[in-house]
Amino acid sequence: LIVRLCDVLSSLRIHGVVFEDDTRSEAVAQILDFISAQTSVPIIGI
């Protein structure tokens, strides 16, 4: 998840990310929160 998101963020001009997944794992939210804090890219978990 981290590698794929970082690849996308570094290769495209992105103003924000809308993220949806089918898991019930809080780890996904923690990873997205970390990436948002490190990159300053807004992320919306839906």
ModelCIF file with pLDDT and N, C-alpha, C, O atoms, coordinates in Angstrom:
data_MODEL
#
_entry.id   MODEL 
#
_entity.id                         1 
_entity.type                       polymer 
_entity.pdbx_number_of_molecules   1 
#
_entity_poly.entity_id                      1 
_entity_poly.type                           'polypeptide(L)' 
_entity_poly.nstd_linkage                   no 
_entity_poly.nstd_monomer                   no 
_entity_poly.pdbx_seq_one_letter_code       LIVRLCDVLSSLRIHGVVFEDDTRSEAVAQILDFISAQTSVPIIGI 
_entity_poly.pdbx_seq_one_letter_code_can   LIVRLCDVLSSLRIHGVVFEDDTRSEAVAQILDFISAQTSVPIIGI 
_entity_poly.pdbx_strand_id                 A 
#
loop_
_entity_poly_seq.entity_id 
_entity_poly_seq.num 
_entity_poly_seq.mon_id 
_entity_poly_seq.hetero 
1 1  LEU n 
1 2  ILE n 
1 3  VAL n 
1 4  ARG n 
1 5  LEU n 
1 6  CYS n 
1 7  ASP n 
1 8  VAL n 
1 9  LEU n 
1 10 SER n 
1 11 SER n 
1 12 LEU n 
1 13 ARG n 
1 14 ILE n 
1 15 HIS n 
1 16 GLY n 
1 17 VAL n 
1 18 VAL n 
1 19 PHE n 
1 20 GLU n 
1 21 ASP n 
1 22 ASP n 
1 23 THR n 
1 24 ARG n 
1 25 SER n 
1 26 GLU n 
1 27 ALA n 
1 28 VAL n 
1 29 ALA n 
1 30 GLN n 
1 31 ILE n 
1 32 LEU n 
1 33 ASP n 
1 34 PHE n 
1 35 ILE n 
1 36 SER n 
1 37 ALA n 
1 38 GLN n 
1 39 THR n 
1 40 SER n 
1 41 VAL n 
1 42 PRO n 
1 43 ILE n 
1 44 ILE n 
1 45 GLY n 
1 46 ILE n 
#
_struct_asym.id          A 
_struct_asym.entity_id   1 
#
loop_
_ma_qa_metric.id 
_ma_qa_metric.mode 
_ma_qa_metric.name 
_ma_qa_metric.software_group_id 
_ma_qa_metric.type 
1 global pLDDT . pLDDT 
2 local  pLDDT . pLDDT 
#
_ma_qa_metric_global.metric_id      1 
_ma_qa_metric_global.metric_value   87.15 
_ma_qa_metric_global.model_id       1 
_ma_qa_metric_global.ordinal_id     1 
#
loop_
_ma_qa_metric_local.label_asym_id 
_ma_qa_metric_local.label_comp_id 
_ma_qa_metric_local.label_seq_id 
_ma_qa_metric_local.metric_id 
_ma_qa_metric_local.metric_value 
_ma_qa_metric_local.model_id 
_ma_qa_metric_local.ordinal_id 
A LEU 1  2 85.00 1 1  
A ILE 2  2 87.00 1 2  
A VAL 3  2 88.00 1 3  
A ARG 4  2 86.00 1 4  
A LEU 5  2 87.00 1 5  
A CYS 6  2 87.00 1 6  
A ASP 7  2 89.00 1 7  
A VAL 8  2 87.00 1 8  
A LEU 9  2 88.00 1 9  
A SER 10 2 88.00 1 10 
A SER 11 2 90.00 1 11 
A LEU 12 2 87.00 1 12 
A ARG 13 2 87.00 1 13 
A ILE 14 2 86.00 1 14 
A HIS 15 2 89.00 1 15 
A GLY 16 2 90.00 1 16 
A VAL 17 2 90.00 1 17 
A VAL 18 2 90.00 1 18 
A PHE 19 2 88.00 1 19 
A GLU 20 2 84.00 1 20 
A ASP 21 2 83.00 1 21 
A ASP 22 2 78.00 1 22 
A THR 23 2 77.00 1 23 
A ARG 24 2 72.00 1 24 
A SER 25 2 76.00 1 25 
A GLU 26 2 78.00 1 26 
A ALA 27 2 83.00 1 27 
A VAL 28 2 86.00 1 28 
A ALA 29 2 87.00 1 29 
A GLN 30 2 89.00 1 30 
A ILE 31 2 89.00 1 31 
A LEU 32 2 91.00 1 32 
A ASP 33 2 92.00 1 33 
A PHE 34 2 91.00 1 34 
A ILE 35 2 91.00 1 35 
A SER 36 2 92.00 1 36 
A ALA 37 2 92.00 1 37 
A GLN 38 2 90.00 1 38 
A THR 39 2 90.00 1 39 
A SER 40 2 90.00 1 40 
A VAL 41 2 91.00 1 41 
A PRO 42 2 93.00 1 42 
A ILE 43 2 92.00 1 43 
A ILE 44 2 91.00 1 44 
A GLY 45 2 88.00 1 45 
A ILE 46 2 84.00 1 46 
#
loop_
_atom_site.group_PDB 
_atom_site.id 
_atom_site.type_symbol 
_atom_site.label_atom_id 
_atom_site.label_alt_id 
_atom_site.label_comp_id 
_atom_site.label_asym_id 
_atom_site.label_entity_id 
_atom_site.label_seq_id 
_atom_site.pdbx_PDB_ins_code 
_atom_site.Cartn_x 
_atom_site.Cartn_y 
_atom_site.Cartn_z 
_atom_site.occupancy 
_atom_site.B_iso_or_equiv 
_atom_site.pdbx_formal_charge 
_atom_site.auth_seq_id 
_atom_site.auth_comp_id 
_atom_site.auth_asym_id 
_atom_site.auth_atom_id 
_atom_site.pdbx_PDB_model_num 
ATOM 1   N N  . LEU A 1 1  ? 0.825   -1.202 0.000   1.00 85.00 ? 1  LEU A N  1 
ATOM 2   C CA . LEU A 1 1  ? 0.000   0.000  0.000   1.00 85.00 ? 1  LEU A CA 1 
ATOM 3   C C  . LEU A 1 1  ? 0.862   1.256  0.000   1.00 85.00 ? 1  LEU A C  1 
ATOM 4   O O  . LEU A 1 1  ? 0.614   2.177  -0.779  1.00 85.00 ? 1  LEU A O  1 
ATOM 5   N N  . ILE A 1 2  ? 1.862   1.304  0.857   1.00 87.00 ? 2  ILE A N  1 
ATOM 6   C CA . ILE A 1 2  ? 2.736   2.478  0.935   1.00 87.00 ? 2  ILE A CA 1 
ATOM 7   C C  . ILE A 1 2  ? 3.509   2.664  -0.367  1.00 87.00 ? 2  ILE A C  1 
ATOM 8   O O  . ILE A 1 2  ? 3.586   3.778  -0.885  1.00 87.00 ? 2  ILE A O  1 
ATOM 9   N N  . VAL A 1 3  ? 4.082   1.588  -0.901  1.00 88.00 ? 3  VAL A N  1 
ATOM 10  C CA . VAL A 1 3  ? 4.864   1.681  -2.141  1.00 88.00 ? 3  VAL A CA 1 
ATOM 11  C C  . VAL A 1 3  ? 3.988   2.149  -3.297  1.00 88.00 ? 3  VAL A C  1 
ATOM 12  O O  . VAL A 1 3  ? 4.383   3.032  -4.057  1.00 88.00 ? 3  VAL A O  1 
ATOM 13  N N  . ARG A 1 4  ? 2.792   1.557  -3.435  1.00 86.00 ? 4  ARG A N  1 
ATOM 14  C CA . ARG A 1 4  ? 1.911   1.937  -4.543  1.00 86.00 ? 4  ARG A CA 1 
ATOM 15  C C  . ARG A 1 4  ? 1.471   3.388  -4.439  1.00 86.00 ? 4  ARG A C  1 
ATOM 16  O O  . ARG A 1 4  ? 1.482   4.113  -5.434  1.00 86.00 ? 4  ARG A O  1 
ATOM 17  N N  . LEU A 1 5  ? 1.083   3.818  -3.245  1.00 87.00 ? 5  LEU A N  1 
ATOM 18  C CA . LEU A 1 5  ? 0.655   5.212  -3.081  1.00 87.00 ? 5  LEU A CA 1 
ATOM 19  C C  . LEU A 1 5  ? 1.803   6.176  -3.333  1.00 87.00 ? 5  LEU A C  1 
ATOM 20  O O  . LEU A 1 5  ? 1.616   7.204  -3.985  1.00 87.00 ? 5  LEU A O  1 
ATOM 21  N N  . CYS A 1 6  ? 2.972   5.861  -2.830  1.00 87.00 ? 6  CYS A N  1 
ATOM 22  C CA . CYS A 1 6  ? 4.125   6.743  -3.048  1.00 87.00 ? 6  CYS A CA 1 
ATOM 23  C C  . CYS A 1 6  ? 4.491   6.809  -4.531  1.00 87.00 ? 6  CYS A C  1 
ATOM 24  O O  . CYS A 1 6  ? 4.864   7.872  -5.026  1.00 87.00 ? 6  CYS A O  1 
ATOM 25  N N  . ASP A 1 7  ? 4.387   5.682  -5.246  1.00 89.00 ? 7  ASP A N  1 
ATOM 26  C CA . ASP A 1 7  ? 4.633   5.686  -6.691  1.00 89.00 ? 7  ASP A CA 1 
ATOM 27  C C  . ASP A 1 7  ? 3.656   6.606  -7.418  1.00 89.00 ? 7  ASP A C  1 
ATOM 28  O O  . ASP A 1 7  ? 4.053   7.390  -8.280  1.00 89.00 ? 7  ASP A O  1 
ATOM 29  N N  . VAL A 1 8  ? 2.381   6.503  -7.064  1.00 87.00 ? 8  VAL A N  1 
ATOM 30  C CA . VAL A 1 8  ? 1.361   7.346  -7.695  1.00 87.00 ? 8  VAL A CA 1 
ATOM 31  C C  . VAL A 1 8  ? 1.595   8.817  -7.368  1.00 87.00 ? 8  VAL A C  1 
ATOM 32  O O  . VAL A 1 8  ? 1.530   9.673  -8.250  1.00 87.00 ? 8  VAL A O  1 
ATOM 33  N N  . LEU A 1 9  ? 1.868   9.107  -6.095  1.00 88.00 ? 9  LEU A N  1 
ATOM 34  C CA . LEU A 1 9  ? 2.065   10.501 -5.680  1.00 88.00 ? 9  LEU A CA 1 
ATOM 35  C C  . LEU A 1 9  ? 3.306   11.121 -6.315  1.00 88.00 ? 9  LEU A C  1 
ATOM 36  O O  . LEU A 1 9  ? 3.322   12.320 -6.595  1.00 88.00 ? 9  LEU A O  1 
ATOM 37  N N  . SER A 1 10 ? 4.330   10.331 -6.541  1.00 88.00 ? 10 SER A N  1 
ATOM 38  C CA . SER A 1 10 ? 5.565   10.883 -7.103  1.00 88.00 ? 10 SER A CA 1 
ATOM 39  C C  . SER A 1 10 ? 5.517   10.986 -8.626  1.00 88.00 ? 10 SER A C  1 
ATOM 40  O O  . SER A 1 10 ? 6.299   11.739 -9.206  1.00 88.00 ? 10 SER A O  1 
ATOM 41  N N  . SER A 1 11 ? 4.633   10.259 -9.281  1.00 90.00 ? 11 SER A N  1 
ATOM 42  C CA . SER A 1 11 ? 4.622   10.259 -10.747 1.00 90.00 ? 11 SER A CA 1 
ATOM 43  C C  . SER A 1 11 ? 3.541   11.153 -11.348 1.00 90.00 ? 11 SER A C  1 
ATOM 44  O O  . SER A 1 11 ? 3.608   11.458 -12.539 1.00 90.00 ? 11 SER A O  1 
ATOM 45  N N  . LEU A 1 12 ? 2.566   11.575 -10.585 1.00 87.00 ? 12 LEU A N  1 
ATOM 46  C CA . LEU A 1 12 ? 1.466   12.384 -11.103 1.00 87.00 ? 12 LEU A CA 1 
ATOM 47  C C  . LEU A 1 12 ? 1.302   13.655 -10.274 1.00 87.00 ? 12 LEU A C  1 
ATOM 48  O O  . LEU A 1 12 ? 1.673   13.708 -9.102  1.00 87.00 ? 12 LEU A O  1 
ATOM 49  N N  . ARG A 1 13 ? 0.738   14.671 -10.914 1.00 87.00 ? 13 ARG A N  1 
ATOM 50  C CA . ARG A 1 13 ? 0.386   15.888 -10.167 1.00 87.00 ? 13 ARG A CA 1 
ATOM 51  C C  . ARG A 1 13 ? -0.981  15.658 -9.548  1.00 87.00 ? 13 ARG A C  1 
ATOM 52  O O  . ARG A 1 13 ? -2.007  15.743 -10.223 1.00 87.00 ? 13 ARG A O  1 
ATOM 53  N N  . ILE A 1 14 ? -0.981  15.374 -8.288  1.00 86.00 ? 14 ILE A N  1 
ATOM 54  C CA . ILE A 1 14 ? -2.220  15.023 -7.596  1.00 86.00 ? 14 ILE A CA 1 
ATOM 55  C C  . ILE A 1 14 ? -2.526  16.094 -6.549  1.00 86.00 ? 14 ILE A C  1 
ATOM 56  O O  . ILE A 1 14 ? -1.662  16.524 -5.784  1.00 86.00 ? 14 ILE A O  1 
ATOM 57  N N  . HIS A 1 15 ? -3.794  16.505 -6.550  1.00 89.00 ? 15 HIS A N  1 
ATOM 58  C CA . HIS A 1 15 ? -4.231  17.496 -5.565  1.00 89.00 ? 15 HIS A CA 1 
ATOM 59  C C  . HIS A 1 15 ? -4.851  16.849 -4.340  1.00 89.00 ? 15 HIS A C  1 
ATOM 60  O O  . HIS A 1 15 ? -4.999  17.493 -3.302  1.00 89.00 ? 15 HIS A O  1 
ATOM 61  N N  . GLY A 1 16 ? -5.213  15.585 -4.455  1.00 90.00 ? 16 GLY A N  1 
ATOM 62  C CA . GLY A 1 16 ? -5.808  14.857 -3.343  1.00 90.00 ? 16 GLY A CA 1 
ATOM 63  C C  . GLY A 1 16 ? -6.103  13.430 -3.761  1.00 90.00 ? 16 GLY A C  1 
ATOM 64  O O  . GLY A 1 16 ? -6.057  13.091 -4.944  1.00 90.00 ? 16 GLY A O  1 
ATOM 65  N N  . VAL A 1 17 ? -6.408  12.594 -2.772  1.00 90.00 ? 17 VAL A N  1 
ATOM 66  C CA . VAL A 1 17 ? -6.687  11.190 -3.011  1.00 90.00 ? 17 VAL A CA 1 
ATOM 67  C C  . VAL A 1 17 ? -8.015  10.852 -2.337  1.00 90.00 ? 17 VAL A C  1 
ATOM 68  O O  . VAL A 1 17 ? -8.245  11.208 -1.181  1.00 90.00 ? 17 VAL A O  1 
ATOM 69  N N  . VAL A 1 18 ? -8.890  10.156 -3.077  1.00 90.00 ? 18 VAL A N  1 
ATOM 70  C CA . VAL A 1 18 ? -10.106 9.587  -2.507  1.00 90.00 ? 18 VAL A CA 1 
ATOM 71  C C  . VAL A 1 18 ? -9.862  8.087  -2.449  1.00 90.00 ? 18 VAL A C  1 
ATOM 72  O O  . VAL A 1 18 ? -9.575  7.462  -3.471  1.00 90.00 ? 18 VAL A O  1 
ATOM 73  N N  . PHE A 1 19 ? -9.972  7.512  -1.272  1.00 88.00 ? 19 PHE A N  1 
ATOM 74  C CA . PHE A 1 19 ? -9.585  6.119  -1.074  1.00 88.00 ? 19 PHE A CA 1 
ATOM 75  C C  . PHE A 1 19 ? -10.753 5.316  -0.540  1.00 88.00 ? 19 PHE A C  1 
ATOM 76  O O  . PHE A 1 19 ? -11.411 5.712  0.422   1.00 88.00 ? 19 PHE A O  1 
ATOM 77  N N  . GLU A 1 20 ? -11.004 4.169  -1.185  1.00 84.00 ? 20 GLU A N  1 
ATOM 78  C CA . GLU A 1 20 ? -12.035 3.243  -0.736  1.00 84.00 ? 20 GLU A CA 1 
ATOM 79  C C  . GLU A 1 20 ? -11.440 1.846  -0.774  1.00 84.00 ? 20 GLU A C  1 
ATOM 80  O O  . GLU A 1 20 ? -10.713 1.503  -1.705  1.00 84.00 ? 20 GLU A O  1 
ATOM 81  N N  . ASP A 1 21 ? -11.745 1.045  0.228   1.00 83.00 ? 21 ASP A N  1 
ATOM 82  C CA . ASP A 1 21 ? -11.280 -0.332 0.238   1.00 83.00 ? 21 ASP A CA 1 
ATOM 83  C C  . ASP A 1 21 ? -12.356 -1.212 0.847   1.00 83.00 ? 21 ASP A C  1 
ATOM 84  O O  . ASP A 1 21 ? -13.322 -0.719 1.429   1.00 83.00 ? 21 ASP A O  1 
ATOM 85  N N  . ASP A 1 22 ? -12.182 -2.510 0.709   1.00 78.00 ? 22 ASP A N  1 
ATOM 86  C CA . ASP A 1 22 ? -13.168 -3.458 1.219   1.00 78.00 ? 22 ASP A CA 1 
ATOM 87  C C  . ASP A 1 22 ? -12.725 -4.136 2.502   1.00 78.00 ? 22 ASP A C  1 
ATOM 88  O O  . ASP A 1 22 ? -13.348 -5.106 2.933   1.00 78.00 ? 22 ASP A O  1 
ATOM 89  N N  . THR A 1 23 ? -11.660 -3.643 3.121   1.00 77.00 ? 23 THR A N  1 
ATOM 90  C CA . THR A 1 23 ? -11.191 -4.266 4.353   1.00 77.00 ? 23 THR A CA 1 
ATOM 91  C C  . THR A 1 23 ? -11.878 -3.628 5.545   1.00 77.00 ? 23 THR A C  1 
ATOM 92  O O  . THR A 1 23 ? -12.553 -2.608 5.411   1.00 77.00 ? 23 THR A O  1 
ATOM 93  N N  . ARG A 1 24 ? -11.708 -4.219 6.685   1.00 72.00 ? 24 ARG A N  1 
ATOM 94  C CA . ARG A 1 24 ? -12.175 -3.619 7.937   1.00 72.00 ? 24 ARG A CA 1 
ATOM 95  C C  . ARG A 1 24 ? -10.985 -3.386 8.850   1.00 72.00 ? 24 ARG A C  1 
ATOM 96  O O  . ARG A 1 24 ? -11.119 -3.373 10.074  1.00 72.00 ? 24 ARG A O  1 
ATOM 97  N N  . SER A 1 25 ? -9.821  -3.202 8.245   1.00 76.00 ? 25 SER A N  1 
ATOM 98  C CA . SER A 1 25 ? -8.588  -3.085 9.014   1.00 76.00 ? 25 SER A CA 1 
ATOM 99  C C  . SER A 1 25 ? -8.250  -1.628 9.297   1.00 76.00 ? 25 SER A C  1 
ATOM 100 O O  . SER A 1 25 ? -8.138  -0.807 8.387   1.00 76.00 ? 25 SER A O  1 
ATOM 101 N N  . GLU A 1 26 ? -8.091  -1.331 10.581  1.00 78.00 ? 26 GLU A N  1 
ATOM 102 C CA . GLU A 1 26 ? -7.708  0.020  10.985  1.00 78.00 ? 26 GLU A CA 1 
ATOM 103 C C  . GLU A 1 26 ? -6.312  0.369  10.491  1.00 78.00 ? 26 GLU A C  1 
ATOM 104 O O  . GLU A 1 26 ? -5.962  1.546  10.403  1.00 78.00 ? 26 GLU A O  1 
ATOM 105 N N  . ALA A 1 27 ? -5.515  -0.637 10.168  1.00 83.00 ? 27 ALA A N  1 
ATOM 106 C CA . ALA A 1 27 ? -4.159  -0.398 9.683   1.00 83.00 ? 27 ALA A CA 1 
ATOM 107 C C  . ALA A 1 27 ? -4.171  0.424  8.399   1.00 83.00 ? 27 ALA A C  1 
ATOM 108 O O  . ALA A 1 27 ? -3.269  1.232  8.178   1.00 83.00 ? 27 ALA A O  1 
ATOM 109 N N  . VAL A 1 28 ? -5.178  0.233  7.552   1.00 86.00 ? 28 VAL A N  1 
ATOM 110 C CA . VAL A 1 28 ? -5.275  1.014  6.314   1.00 86.00 ? 28 VAL A CA 1 
ATOM 111 C C  . VAL A 1 28 ? -5.415  2.498  6.650   1.00 86.00 ? 28 VAL A C  1 
ATOM 112 O O  . VAL A 1 28 ? -4.742  3.337  6.052   1.00 86.00 ? 28 VAL A O  1 
ATOM 113 N N  . ALA A 1 29 ? -6.285  2.818  7.601   1.00 87.00 ? 29 ALA A N  1 
ATOM 114 C CA . ALA A 1 29 ? -6.477  4.210  7.999   1.00 87.00 ? 29 ALA A CA 1 
ATOM 115 C C  . ALA A 1 29 ? -5.196  4.785  8.587   1.00 87.00 ? 29 ALA A C  1 
ATOM 116 O O  . ALA A 1 29 ? -4.853  5.934  8.308   1.00 87.00 ? 29 ALA A O  1 
ATOM 117 N N  . GLN A 1 30 ? -4.489  4.012  9.391   1.00 89.00 ? 30 GLN A N  1 
ATOM 118 C CA . GLN A 1 30 ? -3.239  4.496  9.983   1.00 89.00 ? 30 GLN A CA 1 
ATOM 119 C C  . GLN A 1 30 ? -2.185  4.780  8.912   1.00 89.00 ? 30 GLN A C  1 
ATOM 120 O O  . GLN A 1 30 ? -1.456  5.767  9.003   1.00 89.00 ? 30 GLN A O  1 
ATOM 121 N N  . ILE A 1 31 ? -2.106  3.915  7.899   1.00 89.00 ? 31 ILE A N  1 
ATOM 122 C CA . ILE A 1 31 ? -1.152  4.121  6.811   1.00 89.00 ? 31 ILE A CA 1 
ATOM 123 C C  . ILE A 1 31 ? -1.501  5.388  6.030   1.00 89.00 ? 31 ILE A C  1 
ATOM 124 O O  . ILE A 1 31 ? -0.621  6.194  5.727   1.00 89.00 ? 31 ILE A O  1 
ATOM 125 N N  . LEU A 1 32 ? -2.783  5.563  5.705   1.00 91.00 ? 32 LEU A N  1 
ATOM 126 C CA . LEU A 1 32 ? -3.200  6.742  4.950   1.00 91.00 ? 32 LEU A CA 1 
ATOM 127 C C  . LEU A 1 32 ? -2.967  8.024  5.745   1.00 91.00 ? 32 LEU A C  1 
ATOM 128 O O  . LEU A 1 32 ? -2.570  9.046  5.186   1.00 91.00 ? 32 LEU A O  1 
ATOM 129 N N  . ASP A 1 33 ? -3.213  7.964  7.034   1.00 92.00 ? 33 ASP A N  1 
ATOM 130 C CA . ASP A 1 33 ? -2.959  9.123  7.901   1.00 92.00 ? 33 ASP A CA 1 
ATOM 131 C C  . ASP A 1 33 ? -1.472  9.469  7.890   1.00 92.00 ? 33 ASP A C  1 
ATOM 132 O O  . ASP A 1 33 ? -1.108  10.640 7.788   1.00 92.00 ? 33 ASP A O  1 
ATOM 133 N N  . PHE A 1 34 ? -0.623  8.469  7.993   1.00 91.00 ? 34 PHE A N  1 
ATOM 134 C CA . PHE A 1 34 ? 0.829   8.666  7.959   1.00 91.00 ? 34 PHE A CA 1 
ATOM 135 C C  . PHE A 1 34 ? 1.270   9.274  6.629   1.00 91.00 ? 34 PHE A C  1 
ATOM 136 O O  . PHE A 1 34 ? 2.049   10.227 6.609   1.00 91.00 ? 34 PHE A O  1 
ATOM 137 N N  . ILE A 1 35 ? 0.776   8.729  5.525   1.00 91.00 ? 35 ILE A N  1 
ATOM 138 C CA . ILE A 1 35 ? 1.157   9.238  4.202   1.00 91.00 ? 35 ILE A CA 1 
ATOM 139 C C  . ILE A 1 35 ? 0.700   10.677 4.028   1.00 91.00 ? 35 ILE A C  1 
ATOM 140 O O  . ILE A 1 35 ? 1.439   11.498 3.484   1.00 91.00 ? 35 ILE A O  1 
ATOM 141 N N  . SER A 1 36 ? -0.503  10.995 4.478   1.00 92.00 ? 36 SER A N  1 
ATOM 142 C CA . SER A 1 36 ? -0.998  12.367 4.373   1.00 92.00 ? 36 SER A CA 1 
ATOM 143 C C  . SER A 1 36 ? -0.126  13.324 5.182   1.00 92.00 ? 36 SER A C  1 
ATOM 144 O O  . SER A 1 36 ? 0.193   14.420 4.720   1.00 92.00 ? 36 SER A O  1 
ATOM 145 N N  . ALA A 1 37 ? 0.257   12.908 6.384   1.00 92.00 ? 37 ALA A N  1 
ATOM 146 C CA . ALA A 1 37 ? 1.094   13.764 7.230   1.00 92.00 ? 37 ALA A CA 1 
ATOM 147 C C  . ALA A 1 37 ? 2.474   13.979 6.606   1.00 92.00 ? 37 ALA A C  1 
ATOM 148 O O  . ALA A 1 37 ? 3.034   15.071 6.703   1.00 92.00 ? 37 ALA A O  1 
ATOM 149 N N  . GLN A 1 38 ? 3.024   12.943 5.968   1.00 90.00 ? 38 GLN A N  1 
ATOM 150 C CA . GLN A 1 38 ? 4.370   13.034 5.401   1.00 90.00 ? 38 GLN A CA 1 
ATOM 151 C C  . GLN A 1 38 ? 4.415   13.785 4.072   1.00 90.00 ? 38 GLN A C  1 
ATOM 152 O O  . GLN A 1 38 ? 5.416   14.427 3.754   1.00 90.00 ? 38 GLN A O  1 
ATOM 153 N N  . THR A 1 39 ? 3.322   13.706 3.291   1.00 90.00 ? 39 THR A N  1 
ATOM 154 C CA . THR A 1 39 ? 3.331   14.297 1.944   1.00 90.00 ? 39 THR A CA 1 
ATOM 155 C C  . THR A 1 39 ? 2.523   15.581 1.838   1.00 90.00 ? 39 THR A C  1 
ATOM 156 O O  . THR A 1 39 ? 2.630   16.291 0.838   1.00 90.00 ? 39 THR A O  1 
ATOM 157 N N  . SER A 1 40 ? 1.725   15.891 2.838   1.00 90.00 ? 40 SER A N  1 
ATOM 158 C CA . SER A 1 40 ? 0.811   17.038 2.825   1.00 90.00 ? 40 SER A CA 1 
ATOM 159 C C  . SER A 1 40 ? -0.249  16.936 1.735   1.00 90.00 ? 40 SER A C  1 
ATOM 160 O O  . SER A 1 40 ? -0.812  17.950 1.324   1.00 90.00 ? 40 SER A O  1 
ATOM 161 N N  . VAL A 1 41 ? -0.522  15.738 1.270   1.00 91.00 ? 41 VAL A N  1 
ATOM 162 C CA . VAL A 1 41 ? -1.572  15.511 0.277   1.00 91.00 ? 41 VAL A CA 1 
ATOM 163 C C  . VAL A 1 41 ? -2.856  15.153 1.019   1.00 91.00 ? 41 VAL A C  1 
ATOM 164 O O  . VAL A 1 41 ? -2.858  14.234 1.838   1.00 91.00 ? 41 VAL A O  1 
ATOM 165 N N  . PRO A 1 42 ? -3.947  15.867 0.742   1.00 93.00 ? 42 PRO A N  1 
ATOM 166 C CA . PRO A 1 42 ? -5.219  15.514 1.376   1.00 93.00 ? 42 PRO A CA 1 
ATOM 167 C C  . PRO A 1 42 ? -5.688  14.143 0.909   1.00 93.00 ? 42 PRO A C  1 
ATOM 168 O O  . PRO A 1 42 ? -5.647  13.834 -0.282  1.00 93.00 ? 42 PRO A O  1 
ATOM 169 N N  . ILE A 1 43 ? -6.130  13.327 1.853   1.00 92.00 ? 43 ILE A N  1 
ATOM 170 C CA . ILE A 1 43 ? -6.666  12.006 1.550   1.00 92.00 ? 43 ILE A CA 1 
ATOM 171 C C  . ILE A 1 43 ? -8.034  11.890 2.217   1.00 92.00 ? 43 ILE A C  1 
ATOM 172 O O  . ILE A 1 43 ? -8.203  12.239 3.386   1.00 92.00 ? 43 ILE A O  1 
ATOM 173 N N  . ILE A 1 44 ? -9.013  11.390 1.449   1.00 91.00 ? 44 ILE A N  1 
ATOM 174 C CA . ILE A 1 44 ? -10.360 11.188 1.971   1.00 91.00 ? 44 ILE A CA 1 
ATOM 175 C C  . ILE A 1 44 ? -10.643 9.691  1.949   1.00 91.00 ? 44 ILE A C  1 
ATOM 176 O O  . ILE A 1 44 ? -10.630 9.068  0.888   1.00 91.00 ? 44 ILE A O  1 
ATOM 177 N N  . GLY A 1 45 ? -10.899 9.118  3.115   1.00 88.00 ? 45 GLY A N  1 
ATOM 178 C CA . GLY A 1 45 ? -11.267 7.705  3.228   1.00 88.00 ? 45 GLY A CA 1 
ATOM 179 C C  . GLY A 1 45 ? -12.773 7.583  3.246   1.00 88.00 ? 45 GLY A C  1 
ATOM 180 O O  . GLY A 1 45 ? -13.425 8.157  4.118   1.00 88.00 ? 45 GLY A O  1 
ATOM 181 N N  . ILE A 1 46 ? -13.349 6.841  2.294   1.00 84.00 ? 46 ILE A N  1 
ATOM 182 C CA . ILE A 1 46 ? -14.807 6.826  2.167   1.00 84.00 ? 46 ILE A CA 1 
ATOM 183 C C  . ILE A 1 46 ? -15.458 5.494  2.523   1.00 84.00 ? 46 ILE A C  1 
ATOM 184 O O  . ILE A 1 46 ? -16.681 5.365  2.452   1.00 84.00 ? 46 ILE A O  1 
#
